[in-house]
């Protein structure tokens, strides 16, 4: 009995929910077939796009004004100073350049206010080329109404939102009706009474139509009025979306010409070429042995600043320049011993001077040999005293071994250092730097003909191979390259990525390195300029040619226009 009642309640709830839920599932304008429709670019204003082998033109109708964007077809560079004559419906007019805008021209033709299809002929005369472009500009009949009907479009959209909300609310109330019916049929006692009362109240509410009433709406219009409201709403949505770059459903990009100018988008035409085979190596910048130096102390002592103070990291110094002094570190016992030796020498020095004076007074009566021996003894004592005195007062001067930049300062004023292996200063000549890399394949090490390197910030370095080591380092062969004209800011120890050219060639399309970016899944892609305002992502397989270019082995067709400058910014459009 209970199962039969529950089944009956379910049937009642389903029958009540059917007429309400059905409209919520129905929606117009969607194709449910096996093929997805291709994305359609809806522009904010009537637009004409045409191109030739020299020029690419986009004309946009803004009210009574026609704005013409003119670019080079191959490079996407704006064309300035051109003479543009636009003809349509038997009327010809010359466009004038827009001040402050590169490659933008304007004119106010009378035919622009006439709805319908207009065959437009554009004559272009530039400094180095001339061409004739033909296209069709479609002016919709309700273009002016779409520009001024913003309030009607918003009202239509809000009405649709309220209608959908009413359908959802009705579905929820019908679901509650089914639940209350089930409770009323299966329960007993007080629970059944309460459920029955709630069921009666909810049924009266549904019958009166209050759940589906929309306050402030007029439902007396026919299908024709509904069509007008929808037509007014669609242009508003399209207008807002078309004014800015956006990603289309198929993953391509719609980028209006003004946005391309802001992003400085530039392209090149893909041409098949032959390039050398390359391999990638990892290396780091090192100092030339003849262009780097260490400053160390030869004795223990206390650091004292030089005449210009202690040098700081990054300071330029010259060869022989005094960087600091070391005052000898003499203990109390050593100092006492040295002072005792000095006193003994001075005492002997006084006795020697007195003896020499006496012998000189007796010159002629004493042998000349005795006088000479006394003089020699006196001179020797004077040299001993001169040698002992500096031991307590003389400072050791630390001088720069080469001209260059201080890259390390490991001391402070007053610091006591030991005269061992401690490096006090490191100096590097920034004009004499090298790159050390490792190769795990001996064939690669012996086949390198040329190489370039790239730093983390994209700086390209020209390298000259000096040689390779005969001793392996962690099962790899060290390679040494000299950097030609090192750029400023290059630091010792900085990691670099080497691209070494080896024997053999490969065929493909050479592109600048910045043309290749990565999509959300990390796959390398390039952006192809498909139409004047549309860009398509092309997955590619590449190999480096040098620090600035790559060779596309697959993924790009010849003669395709590939974005070079601005590819990274296009890749961020969502």
Protein backbone atom coordinates (compact mmCIF):
# COMPACT_ATOMS: atom_id res chain seq x y z
CA UNK A 1 0.00 0.00 0.00
CA UNK A 2 2.79 2.40 0.94
CA UNK A 3 4.68 1.73 -2.31
CA UNK A 4 1.51 2.29 -4.35
CA UNK A 5 0.86 5.63 -2.63
CA UNK A 6 4.48 6.76 -3.19
CA UNK A 7 4.27 5.90 -6.90
CA UNK A 8 1.03 7.83 -7.23
CA UNK A 9 2.56 10.89 -5.55
CA UNK A 10 5.54 10.73 -7.91
CA UNK A 11 3.27 10.64 -10.96
CA UNK A 12 1.30 13.65 -9.68
CA UNK A 13 4.49 15.67 -9.05
CA UNK A 14 5.89 14.80 -12.48
CA UNK A 15 2.66 15.79 -14.24
CA UNK A 16 2.61 19.12 -12.45
CA UNK A 17 6.27 19.83 -13.08
CA UNK A 18 6.18 18.99 -16.80
CA UNK A 19 4.51 22.14 -18.12
CA UNK A 20 6.70 24.36 -15.94
CA UNK A 21 10.05 22.69 -16.41
CA UNK A 22 9.73 22.27 -20.16
CA UNK A 23 10.06 25.95 -21.03
CA UNK A 24 13.14 26.21 -18.81
CA UNK A 25 14.92 23.54 -20.90
CA UNK A 26 14.01 25.07 -24.24
CA UNK A 27 16.38 27.66 -25.71
CA UNK A 28 16.59 29.22 -29.11
CA UNK A 29 19.55 29.89 -31.34
CA UNK A 30 21.59 26.75 -30.45
CA UNK A 31 22.49 23.97 -32.84
CA UNK A 32 22.56 20.51 -31.27
CA UNK A 33 23.95 18.67 -34.23
CA UNK A 34 27.27 16.87 -34.42
CA UNK A 35 29.17 19.89 -35.78
CA UNK A 36 29.87 23.00 -33.73
CA UNK A 37 29.27 26.26 -35.59
CA UNK A 38 32.34 28.28 -36.42
CA UNK A 39 32.85 31.45 -34.37
CA UNK A 40 31.40 34.56 -35.94
CA UNK A 41 33.14 37.86 -35.17
CA UNK A 42 30.51 40.48 -34.40
CA UNK A 43 31.87 43.98 -34.81
CA UNK A 44 30.61 47.03 -32.98
CA UNK A 45 30.14 48.99 -36.18
CA UNK A 46 29.91 48.19 -39.90
CA UNK A 47 33.41 47.11 -40.97
CA UNK A 48 35.14 46.51 -44.28
CA UNK A 49 38.29 44.37 -44.42
CA UNK A 50 40.39 43.98 -47.55
CA UNK A 51 44.04 43.48 -48.43
CA UNK A 52 46.55 43.00 -51.22
CA UNK A 53 50.20 41.99 -51.44
CA UNK A 54 51.23 45.50 -50.37
CA UNK A 55 48.53 46.89 -48.09
CA UNK A 56 45.98 45.78 -45.54
CA UNK A 57 42.95 48.01 -44.97
CA UNK A 58 40.20 48.07 -42.35
CA UNK A 59 37.42 50.66 -42.72
CA UNK A 60 35.00 51.22 -39.82
CA UNK A 61 31.81 53.27 -40.04
CA UNK A 62 31.31 55.47 -37.00
CA UNK A 63 28.06 57.37 -37.47
CA UNK A 64 28.63 59.62 -40.49
CA UNK A 65 32.42 59.16 -40.42
CA UNK A 66 34.43 56.40 -42.08
CA UNK A 67 37.75 55.62 -40.34
CA UNK A 68 40.33 53.90 -42.51
CA UNK A 69 43.24 51.96 -40.92
CA UNK A 70 46.03 51.32 -43.41
CA UNK A 71 48.98 48.98 -42.74
CA UNK A 72 51.71 47.16 -44.62
CA UNK A 73 50.52 43.68 -45.47
CA UNK A 74 53.81 41.92 -44.71
CA UNK A 75 54.87 43.73 -41.53
CA UNK A 76 51.60 45.20 -40.16
CA UNK A 77 53.32 48.59 -39.86
CA UNK A 78 51.03 51.63 -40.12
CA UNK A 79 51.31 53.53 -43.40
CA UNK A 80 51.63 57.28 -42.91
CA UNK A 81 51.50 60.01 -45.53
CA UNK A 82 49.46 58.01 -48.04
CA UNK A 83 46.81 59.42 -50.37
CA UNK A 84 43.56 57.46 -50.01
CA UNK A 85 40.56 58.00 -52.29
CA UNK A 86 37.34 56.15 -51.47
CA UNK A 87 34.63 55.66 -54.10
CA UNK A 88 31.12 54.21 -53.63
CA UNK A 89 27.69 54.79 -55.19
CA UNK A 90 29.26 57.09 -57.78
CA UNK A 91 30.73 59.37 -55.10
CA UNK A 92 34.51 59.79 -54.62
CA UNK A 93 36.16 61.42 -51.62
CA UNK A 94 39.73 61.76 -50.36
CA UNK A 95 40.49 60.74 -46.79
CA UNK A 96 42.53 63.00 -44.55
CA UNK A 97 44.99 61.71 -41.90
CA UNK A 98 43.88 61.76 -38.28
CA UNK A 99 46.17 63.87 -36.15
CA UNK A 100 48.10 61.91 -33.54
CA UNK A 101 47.14 58.51 -35.00
CA UNK A 102 49.55 56.47 -37.12
CA UNK A 103 48.06 55.05 -40.30
CA UNK A 104 44.50 56.29 -39.57
CA UNK A 105 42.51 58.36 -42.08
CA UNK A 106 38.95 59.69 -42.07
CA UNK A 107 36.29 60.97 -44.43
CA UNK A 108 32.58 61.81 -44.24
CA UNK A 109 30.84 60.37 -47.33
CA UNK A 110 27.13 60.95 -47.80
CA UNK A 111 26.42 57.34 -48.83
CA UNK A 112 27.42 56.14 -45.35
CA UNK A 113 23.97 57.08 -44.04
CA UNK A 114 22.19 54.91 -46.61
CA UNK A 115 21.33 51.39 -45.44
CA UNK A 116 22.27 48.49 -47.67
CA UNK A 117 25.29 46.95 -49.35
CA UNK A 118 27.88 49.35 -50.82
CA UNK A 119 30.65 48.33 -53.22
CA UNK A 120 33.64 50.37 -52.08
CA UNK A 121 36.76 51.02 -54.16
CA UNK A 122 39.83 52.37 -52.39
CA UNK A 123 42.73 53.87 -54.32
CA UNK A 124 45.98 54.00 -52.30
CA UNK A 125 49.10 55.91 -53.27
CA UNK A 126 52.06 55.69 -50.88
CA UNK A 127 55.67 56.78 -51.19
CA UNK A 128 56.87 53.39 -52.49
CA UNK A 129 53.72 51.63 -53.72
CA UNK A 130 50.26 52.15 -55.19
CA UNK A 131 47.29 49.80 -55.17
CA UNK A 132 43.54 49.51 -55.73
CA UNK A 133 41.44 47.65 -53.15
CA UNK A 134 37.79 46.64 -53.50
CA UNK A 135 35.38 45.50 -50.82
CA UNK A 136 31.79 45.54 -49.64
CA UNK A 137 30.54 47.57 -46.68
CA UNK A 138 27.16 46.51 -45.30
CA UNK A 139 25.22 49.29 -43.55
CA UNK A 140 22.32 47.77 -41.55
CA UNK A 141 18.99 49.53 -41.59
CA UNK A 142 18.83 49.74 -37.80
CA UNK A 143 22.44 50.86 -37.29
CA UNK A 144 21.43 54.25 -35.97
CA UNK A 145 18.72 52.75 -33.83
CA UNK A 146 21.25 50.30 -32.33
CA UNK A 147 23.50 53.19 -31.33
CA UNK A 148 20.71 55.07 -29.57
CA UNK A 149 18.66 52.16 -28.23
CA UNK A 150 20.85 51.29 -25.31
CA UNK A 151 18.05 51.64 -22.72
CA UNK A 152 15.72 49.39 -24.72
CA UNK A 153 18.42 46.74 -25.05
CA UNK A 154 19.11 46.76 -21.33
CA UNK A 155 15.38 46.51 -20.55
CA UNK A 156 15.02 43.51 -22.85
CA UNK A 157 17.94 41.78 -21.19
CA UNK A 158 16.55 42.46 -17.72
CA UNK A 159 13.14 41.16 -18.79
CA UNK A 160 14.69 37.93 -20.01
CA UNK A 161 16.52 37.55 -16.68
CA UNK A 162 13.25 38.02 -14.76
CA UNK A 163 11.49 35.52 -17.01
CA UNK A 164 14.17 32.88 -16.41
CA UNK A 165 14.03 33.55 -12.66
CA UNK A 166 10.25 33.00 -12.67
CA UNK A 167 10.62 29.66 -14.42
CA UNK A 168 13.23 28.51 -11.92
CA UNK A 169 11.03 29.57 -8.98
CA UNK A 170 8.05 27.71 -10.46
CA UNK A 171 10.09 24.53 -10.85
CA UNK A 172 11.19 24.72 -7.21
CA UNK A 173 7.62 25.18 -5.96
CA UNK A 174 6.36 22.23 -8.03
CA UNK A 175 9.12 20.10 -6.54
CA UNK A 176 7.96 21.10 -3.05
CA UNK A 177 4.41 20.24 -4.06
CA UNK A 178 5.53 16.71 -4.96
CA UNK A 179 7.38 16.29 -1.66
CA UNK A 180 4.36 17.45 0.39
CA UNK A 181 2.09 15.12 -1.59
CA UNK A 182 4.38 12.18 -0.80
CA UNK A 183 4.42 13.05 2.92
CA UNK A 184 0.65 13.47 3.04
CA UNK A 185 0.08 10.04 1.45
CA UNK A 186 2.63 8.06 3.43
CA UNK A 187 2.53 9.59 6.94
CA UNK A 188 -0.08 9.48 9.65
CA UNK A 189 -1.21 11.58 12.56
CA UNK A 190 -0.08 15.12 13.12
CA UNK A 191 2.60 14.95 10.38
CA UNK A 192 -0.03 14.05 7.79
CA UNK A 193 -2.28 16.91 8.89
CA UNK A 194 0.50 19.51 8.65
CA UNK A 195 1.64 18.23 5.25
CA UNK A 196 -1.93 18.29 3.94
CA UNK A 197 -2.46 21.90 5.06
CA UNK A 198 0.78 22.98 3.43
CA UNK A 199 -0.18 21.10 0.29
CA UNK A 200 -3.52 22.88 0.04
CA UNK A 201 -1.88 26.30 0.55
CA UNK A 202 0.82 25.66 -2.05
CA UNK A 203 -1.74 24.38 -4.53
CA UNK A 204 -3.85 27.53 -4.15
CA UNK A 205 -0.72 29.63 -4.66
CA UNK A 206 0.15 27.83 -7.88
CA UNK A 207 -3.41 28.03 -9.13
CA UNK A 208 -3.57 31.76 -8.63
CA UNK A 209 -0.41 32.20 -10.77
CA UNK A 210 1.30 34.35 -8.13
CA UNK A 211 4.52 32.31 -8.38
CA UNK A 212 4.93 33.27 -12.02
CA UNK A 213 3.82 36.88 -11.89
CA UNK A 214 6.37 39.50 -12.97
CA UNK A 215 5.85 42.85 -11.34
CA UNK A 216 5.77 45.88 -13.58
CA UNK A 217 5.67 43.89 -16.92
CA UNK A 218 3.22 44.11 -19.76
CA UNK A 219 2.42 40.73 -21.35
CA UNK A 220 0.00 42.05 -23.94
CA UNK A 221 2.62 42.25 -26.73
CA UNK A 222 2.76 39.70 -29.46
CA UNK A 223 5.58 37.77 -30.99
CA UNK A 224 6.52 40.71 -33.18
CA UNK A 225 7.27 42.91 -30.14
CA UNK A 226 9.35 40.13 -28.57
CA UNK A 227 11.42 39.90 -31.72
CA UNK A 228 12.04 43.64 -31.64
CA UNK A 229 13.17 43.52 -28.03
CA UNK A 230 15.60 40.71 -28.78
CA UNK A 231 16.96 42.54 -31.78
CA UNK A 232 17.57 45.62 -29.65
CA UNK A 233 19.37 43.62 -27.00
CA UNK A 234 21.79 41.72 -29.25
CA UNK A 235 23.60 44.70 -30.76
CA UNK A 236 24.26 46.09 -27.30
CA UNK A 237 25.98 42.88 -26.21
CA UNK A 238 27.91 42.65 -29.44
CA UNK A 239 28.97 46.25 -29.21
CA UNK A 240 30.44 45.88 -25.77
CA UNK A 241 32.37 42.73 -26.73
CA UNK A 242 33.67 44.01 -30.05
CA UNK A 243 35.37 47.14 -28.72
CA UNK A 244 38.21 45.23 -27.05
CA UNK A 245 40.37 42.23 -28.00
CA UNK A 246 38.92 38.87 -27.07
CA UNK A 247 39.46 35.16 -27.55
CA UNK A 248 36.97 33.44 -29.84
CA UNK A 249 35.40 30.03 -29.09
CA UNK A 250 37.85 28.22 -31.41
CA UNK A 251 40.85 29.69 -29.56
CA UNK A 252 41.67 32.34 -32.15
CA UNK A 253 41.87 36.04 -31.26
CA UNK A 254 39.87 39.00 -32.46
CA UNK A 255 42.10 42.09 -32.14
CA UNK A 256 40.80 45.36 -33.62
CA UNK A 257 43.26 47.55 -35.47
CA UNK A 258 43.41 50.22 -32.72
CA UNK A 259 44.40 47.51 -30.24
CA UNK A 260 47.04 46.20 -32.65
CA UNK A 261 48.57 49.68 -32.72
CA UNK A 262 48.63 49.85 -28.91
CA UNK A 263 50.29 46.42 -28.67
CA UNK A 264 52.76 47.27 -31.49
CA UNK A 265 51.96 44.04 -33.31
CA UNK A 266 54.42 43.35 -36.15
CA UNK A 267 54.59 40.40 -38.53
CA UNK A 268 56.86 38.80 -41.09
CA UNK A 269 56.06 36.55 -44.04
CA UNK A 270 57.33 33.00 -43.49
CA UNK A 271 60.00 31.97 -46.00
CA UNK A 272 61.60 28.49 -46.10
CA UNK A 273 65.34 28.62 -45.45
CA UNK A 274 68.33 26.40 -44.77
CA UNK A 275 70.02 26.73 -41.37
CA UNK A 276 72.84 24.96 -39.60
CA UNK A 277 72.15 22.13 -37.18
CA UNK A 278 72.51 23.25 -33.59
CA UNK A 279 72.77 21.85 -30.09
CA UNK A 280 72.01 23.54 -26.79
CA UNK A 281 74.52 23.65 -23.95
CA UNK A 282 74.47 25.12 -20.46
CA UNK A 283 77.30 27.37 -19.31
CA UNK A 284 78.25 30.25 -17.08
CA UNK A 285 80.24 33.46 -17.36
CA UNK A 286 83.76 33.35 -15.94
CA UNK A 287 86.62 35.85 -15.76
CA UNK A 288 89.51 35.73 -18.20
CA UNK A 289 92.60 34.47 -16.31
CA UNK A 290 94.45 37.51 -17.66
CA UNK A 291 91.54 39.80 -16.82
CA UNK A 292 90.90 38.89 -13.19
CA UNK A 293 92.90 39.12 -9.98
CA UNK A 294 92.87 38.37 -6.25
CA UNK A 295 94.38 40.55 -3.54
CA UNK A 296 95.79 38.71 -0.51
CA UNK A 297 97.92 39.61 2.53
CA UNK A 298 101.45 38.26 2.93
CA UNK A 299 101.47 38.70 6.71
CA UNK A 300 99.10 38.89 9.63
CA UNK A 301 97.93 42.32 10.64
CA UNK A 302 95.16 44.82 11.13
CA UNK A 303 93.36 46.39 8.14
CA UNK A 304 93.66 50.16 7.71
CA UNK A 305 91.90 52.08 4.89
CA UNK A 306 93.94 53.53 2.07
CA UNK A 307 94.17 57.20 1.16
CA UNK A 308 90.77 57.00 -0.61
CA UNK A 309 89.17 54.60 1.86
CA UNK A 310 88.37 50.95 1.31
CA UNK A 311 87.09 50.19 -2.21
CA UNK A 312 83.49 49.02 -2.52
CA UNK A 313 81.98 46.41 -4.79
CA UNK A 314 81.45 47.81 -8.28
CA UNK A 315 84.16 50.48 -7.94
CA UNK A 316 86.59 50.92 -10.81
CA UNK A 317 90.27 50.64 -9.77
CA UNK A 318 93.52 50.96 -11.70
CA UNK A 319 96.52 48.67 -11.68
CA UNK A 320 98.89 49.56 -8.81
CA UNK A 321 96.27 51.54 -6.88
CA UNK A 322 96.55 51.15 -3.08
CA UNK A 323 93.39 49.51 -1.84
CA UNK A 324 94.25 49.18 1.88
CA UNK A 325 97.11 48.84 4.37
CA UNK A 326 98.02 46.06 6.80
CA UNK A 327 99.60 47.15 10.07
CA UNK A 328 101.79 44.26 11.32
CA UNK A 329 100.30 42.28 14.17
CA UNK A 330 103.25 42.08 16.68
CA UNK A 331 102.70 40.51 20.10
CA UNK A 332 103.99 42.04 23.31
CA UNK A 333 106.78 39.43 23.61
CA UNK A 334 107.88 39.93 20.00
CA UNK A 335 107.77 43.69 20.38
CA UNK A 336 109.99 43.49 23.51
CA UNK A 337 112.50 41.27 21.71
CA UNK A 338 112.70 43.62 18.75
CA UNK A 339 113.14 46.64 21.02
CA UNK A 340 115.92 44.80 22.87
CA UNK A 341 117.70 44.06 19.61
CA UNK A 342 117.39 47.69 18.55
CA UNK A 343 118.87 48.86 21.89
CA UNK A 344 121.80 46.45 21.56
CA UNK A 345 122.51 47.62 18.02
CA UNK A 346 122.36 51.27 19.05
CA UNK A 347 124.81 50.60 21.90
CA UNK A 348 127.24 48.89 19.55
CA UNK A 349 126.73 51.73 17.11
CA UNK A 350 127.89 54.31 19.71
CA UNK A 351 131.01 52.26 20.54
CA UNK A 352 131.84 51.84 16.87
CA UNK A 353 131.52 55.55 16.18
CA UNK A 354 133.87 56.39 19.11
CA UNK A 355 136.50 53.87 17.99
CA UNK A 356 136.38 55.18 14.41
CA UNK A 357 136.94 58.74 15.62
CA UNK A 358 139.99 57.71 17.69
CA UNK A 359 141.51 55.83 14.79
CA UNK A 360 141.06 58.76 12.44
CA UNK A 361 142.96 61.02 14.92
CA UNK A 362 145.85 58.54 14.84
CA UNK A 363 145.82 58.29 11.08
CA UNK A 364 149.37 57.76 9.84
CA UNK A 365 150.49 56.07 13.03
CA UNK A 366 147.98 53.19 12.85
CA UNK A 367 147.43 50.88 9.93
CA UNK A 368 144.90 52.07 7.35
CA UNK A 369 143.31 48.63 7.49
CA UNK A 370 142.11 49.21 11.05
CA UNK A 371 140.42 52.46 10.03
CA UNK A 372 138.63 50.76 7.14
CA UNK A 373 137.45 47.91 9.35
CA UNK A 374 136.04 50.39 11.87
CA UNK A 375 134.16 52.20 9.09
CA UNK A 376 132.74 48.93 7.76
CA UNK A 377 131.64 47.85 11.23
CA UNK A 378 129.88 51.18 11.75
CA UNK A 379 128.02 50.96 8.44
CA UNK A 380 126.88 47.43 9.20
CA UNK A 381 125.47 48.46 12.55
CA UNK A 382 123.56 51.30 10.93
CA UNK A 383 121.96 48.87 8.41
CA UNK A 384 120.96 46.49 11.21
CA UNK A 385 119.22 49.34 13.04
CA UNK A 386 117.45 50.41 9.83
CA UNK A 387 116.24 46.83 9.29
CA UNK A 388 114.88 46.43 12.82
CA UNK A 389 113.01 49.74 13.11
CA UNK A 390 110.33 49.14 10.37
CA UNK A 391 109.28 45.88 11.99
CA UNK A 392 107.27 47.93 14.48
CA UNK A 393 105.99 50.78 12.32
CA UNK A 394 106.00 49.87 8.60
CA UNK A 395 102.60 48.94 7.00
CA UNK A 396 102.07 46.61 4.04
CA UNK A 397 100.30 48.25 1.09
CA UNK A 398 97.68 46.13 -0.74
CA UNK A 399 97.72 47.13 -4.42
CA UNK A 400 95.38 46.26 -7.31
CA UNK A 401 97.09 43.73 -9.63
CA UNK A 402 95.03 44.78 -12.71
CA UNK A 403 92.67 47.50 -13.85
CA UNK A 404 89.04 46.53 -13.48
CA UNK A 405 86.00 46.49 -11.23
CA UNK A 406 85.97 45.27 -7.64
CA UNK A 407 83.63 42.27 -7.51
CA UNK A 408 84.26 41.21 -3.89
CA UNK A 409 85.36 43.00 -0.70
CA UNK A 410 85.82 40.62 2.23
CA UNK A 411 87.31 42.99 4.82
CA UNK A 412 86.35 45.88 7.08
CA UNK A 413 88.45 48.60 8.68
CA UNK A 414 90.17 47.32 11.82
CA UNK A 415 89.75 43.67 10.89
CA UNK A 416 92.65 41.35 11.72
CA UNK A 417 93.59 39.04 8.85
CA UNK A 418 95.97 36.12 8.55
CA UNK A 419 98.62 36.08 5.87
CA UNK A 420 97.44 32.81 4.34
CA UNK A 421 94.91 31.93 1.61
CA UNK A 422 92.27 34.50 2.55
CA UNK A 423 91.17 36.56 -0.47
CA UNK A 424 90.66 40.18 0.55
CA UNK A 425 89.60 41.67 -2.82
CA UNK A 426 88.53 40.27 -6.18
CA UNK A 427 88.95 42.38 -9.31
CA UNK A 428 87.59 41.59 -12.78
CA UNK A 429 88.10 43.39 -16.07
CA UNK A 430 84.55 43.54 -17.55
CA UNK A 431 85.92 43.84 -21.08
CA UNK A 432 87.61 40.42 -20.85
CA UNK A 433 85.07 37.75 -19.97
CA UNK A 434 84.61 34.15 -21.03
CA UNK A 435 81.94 31.46 -20.99
CA UNK A 436 82.60 27.95 -19.77
CA UNK A 437 80.23 25.20 -20.89
CA UNK A 438 80.17 21.40 -20.72
CA UNK A 439 79.34 18.87 -23.42
CA UNK A 440 78.54 15.24 -22.64
CA UNK A 441 78.99 14.06 -26.23
CA UNK A 442 82.60 14.14 -27.51
CA UNK A 443 81.31 14.36 -31.10
CA UNK A 444 79.55 17.62 -30.26
CA UNK A 445 82.67 19.07 -28.66
CA UNK A 446 84.71 18.31 -31.78
CA UNK A 447 82.10 19.50 -34.30
CA UNK A 448 81.31 22.99 -32.98
CA UNK A 449 81.87 25.66 -35.63
CA UNK A 450 80.27 28.72 -34.02
CA UNK A 451 78.22 29.52 -30.95
CA UNK A 452 76.08 32.19 -29.36
CA UNK A 453 74.75 32.51 -25.84
CA UNK A 454 71.67 34.08 -24.28
CA UNK A 455 71.32 35.30 -20.71
CA UNK A 456 68.20 34.99 -18.58
CA UNK A 457 67.08 38.51 -19.54
CA UNK A 458 67.43 37.77 -23.27
CA UNK A 459 70.79 39.46 -23.90
CA UNK A 460 72.62 37.82 -26.80
CA UNK A 461 76.37 37.11 -26.58
CA UNK A 462 78.68 36.41 -29.50
CA UNK A 463 81.15 33.63 -28.65
CA UNK A 464 84.48 32.43 -30.03
CA UNK A 465 85.53 28.86 -29.27
CA UNK A 466 88.97 28.77 -27.63
CA UNK A 467 89.24 25.05 -27.00
CA UNK A 468 88.18 22.11 -24.89
CA UNK A 469 89.77 20.34 -21.95
CA UNK A 470 91.42 16.92 -22.23
CA UNK A 471 90.33 16.07 -18.68
CA UNK A 472 86.70 15.20 -18.02
CA UNK A 473 84.77 16.97 -15.30
CA UNK A 474 81.93 14.85 -13.93
CA UNK A 475 81.92 12.81 -17.15
CA UNK A 476 81.61 15.97 -19.28
CA UNK A 477 84.04 17.86 -21.52
CA UNK A 478 84.63 21.50 -20.45
CA UNK A 479 84.49 23.99 -23.34
CA UNK A 480 85.86 27.53 -23.20
CA UNK A 481 84.55 30.46 -25.26
CA UNK A 482 85.59 34.09 -25.39
CA UNK A 483 82.82 36.73 -25.36
CA UNK A 484 83.19 39.32 -28.09
CA UNK A 485 82.40 42.84 -26.83
CA UNK A 486 80.73 41.82 -23.55
CA UNK A 487 77.68 44.01 -22.78
CA UNK A 488 77.51 46.06 -19.64
CA UNK A 489 75.92 44.43 -16.61
CA UNK A 490 77.27 40.95 -17.37
CA UNK A 491 78.37 39.28 -14.12
CA UNK A 492 80.82 36.51 -13.36
CA UNK A 493 78.97 33.30 -12.52
CA UNK A 494 75.85 34.31 -14.46
CA UNK A 495 74.23 31.26 -16.16
CA UNK A 496 73.74 31.35 -19.91
CA UNK A 497 72.18 29.09 -22.54
CA UNK A 498 74.49 28.28 -25.44
CA UNK A 499 73.41 27.47 -28.98
CA UNK A 500 76.32 25.80 -30.78
CA UNK A 501 76.27 25.27 -34.53
CA UNK A 502 77.55 21.88 -35.65
CA UNK A 503 78.00 20.22 -39.00
CA UNK A 504 74.90 19.66 -41.16
CA UNK A 505 71.87 21.75 -42.15
CA UNK A 506 68.13 21.69 -41.57
CA UNK A 507 65.26 23.15 -43.60
CA UNK A 508 62.53 25.24 -42.06
CA UNK A 509 61.32 28.78 -41.40
CA UNK A 510 63.59 31.13 -39.46
CA UNK A 511 61.73 33.35 -36.97
CA UNK A 512 62.81 35.68 -34.17
CA UNK A 513 62.92 33.96 -30.81
CA UNK A 514 60.20 36.22 -29.37
CA UNK A 515 57.75 34.89 -31.98
CA UNK A 516 57.51 31.56 -30.16
CA UNK A 517 55.41 31.63 -26.98
CA UNK A 518 53.75 28.92 -24.92
CA UNK A 519 50.04 28.27 -24.53
CA UNK A 520 48.25 27.31 -21.32
CA UNK A 521 49.42 23.69 -21.61
CA UNK A 522 53.06 24.67 -22.14
CA UNK A 523 53.14 23.83 -25.86
CA UNK A 524 55.20 26.17 -28.07
CA UNK A 525 53.05 28.13 -30.51
CA UNK A 526 53.23 31.07 -32.88
CA UNK A 527 50.44 33.50 -33.73
CA UNK A 528 49.47 33.68 -37.40
CA UNK A 529 47.91 36.88 -38.73
CA UNK A 530 45.04 35.15 -40.53
CA UNK A 531 42.80 38.11 -41.42
CA UNK A 532 43.23 41.83 -40.75
CA UNK A 533 41.72 41.56 -37.26
CA UNK A 534 42.02 37.84 -36.46
CA UNK A 535 44.99 35.83 -35.19
CA UNK A 536 45.25 32.04 -35.03
CA UNK A 537 47.56 29.99 -32.78
CA UNK A 538 49.76 27.46 -34.58
CA UNK A 539 51.57 24.74 -32.56
CA UNK A 540 55.15 24.44 -33.81
CA UNK A 541 58.26 22.31 -33.45
CA UNK A 542 61.45 24.37 -33.33
CA UNK A 543 65.18 24.23 -32.86
CA UNK A 544 67.38 27.21 -31.97
CA UNK A 545 69.54 28.79 -34.67
CA UNK A 546 71.36 31.28 -32.45
CA UNK A 547 70.61 33.46 -29.48
CA UNK A 548 68.08 35.58 -31.39
CA UNK A 549 66.38 33.25 -33.89
CA UNK A 550 64.79 29.81 -34.05
CA UNK A 551 64.10 27.43 -36.92
CA UNK A 552 60.48 26.23 -37.18
CA UNK A 553 60.63 22.66 -38.43
CA UNK A 554 56.85 22.04 -38.52
CA UNK A 555 53.59 23.86 -37.88
CA UNK A 556 53.90 26.93 -40.14
CA UNK A 557 53.09 27.08 -43.82
CA UNK A 558 55.18 29.16 -46.23
CA UNK A 559 53.89 32.67 -46.93
CA UNK A 560 51.97 32.75 -43.64
CA UNK A 561 52.18 35.99 -41.71
CA UNK A 562 53.66 35.28 -38.28
CA UNK A 563 53.63 37.75 -35.40
CA UNK A 564 57.09 38.80 -34.19
CA UNK A 565 56.70 41.84 -31.94
CA UNK A 566 53.75 41.65 -29.56
CA UNK A 567 53.33 37.87 -29.62
CA UNK A 568 53.68 37.66 -25.85
CA UNK A 569 50.97 40.29 -25.34
CA UNK A 570 48.59 38.56 -27.76
CA UNK A 571 49.12 35.32 -25.87
CA UNK A 572 47.69 36.94 -22.72
CA UNK A 573 44.35 37.88 -24.28
CA UNK A 574 41.50 35.92 -22.77
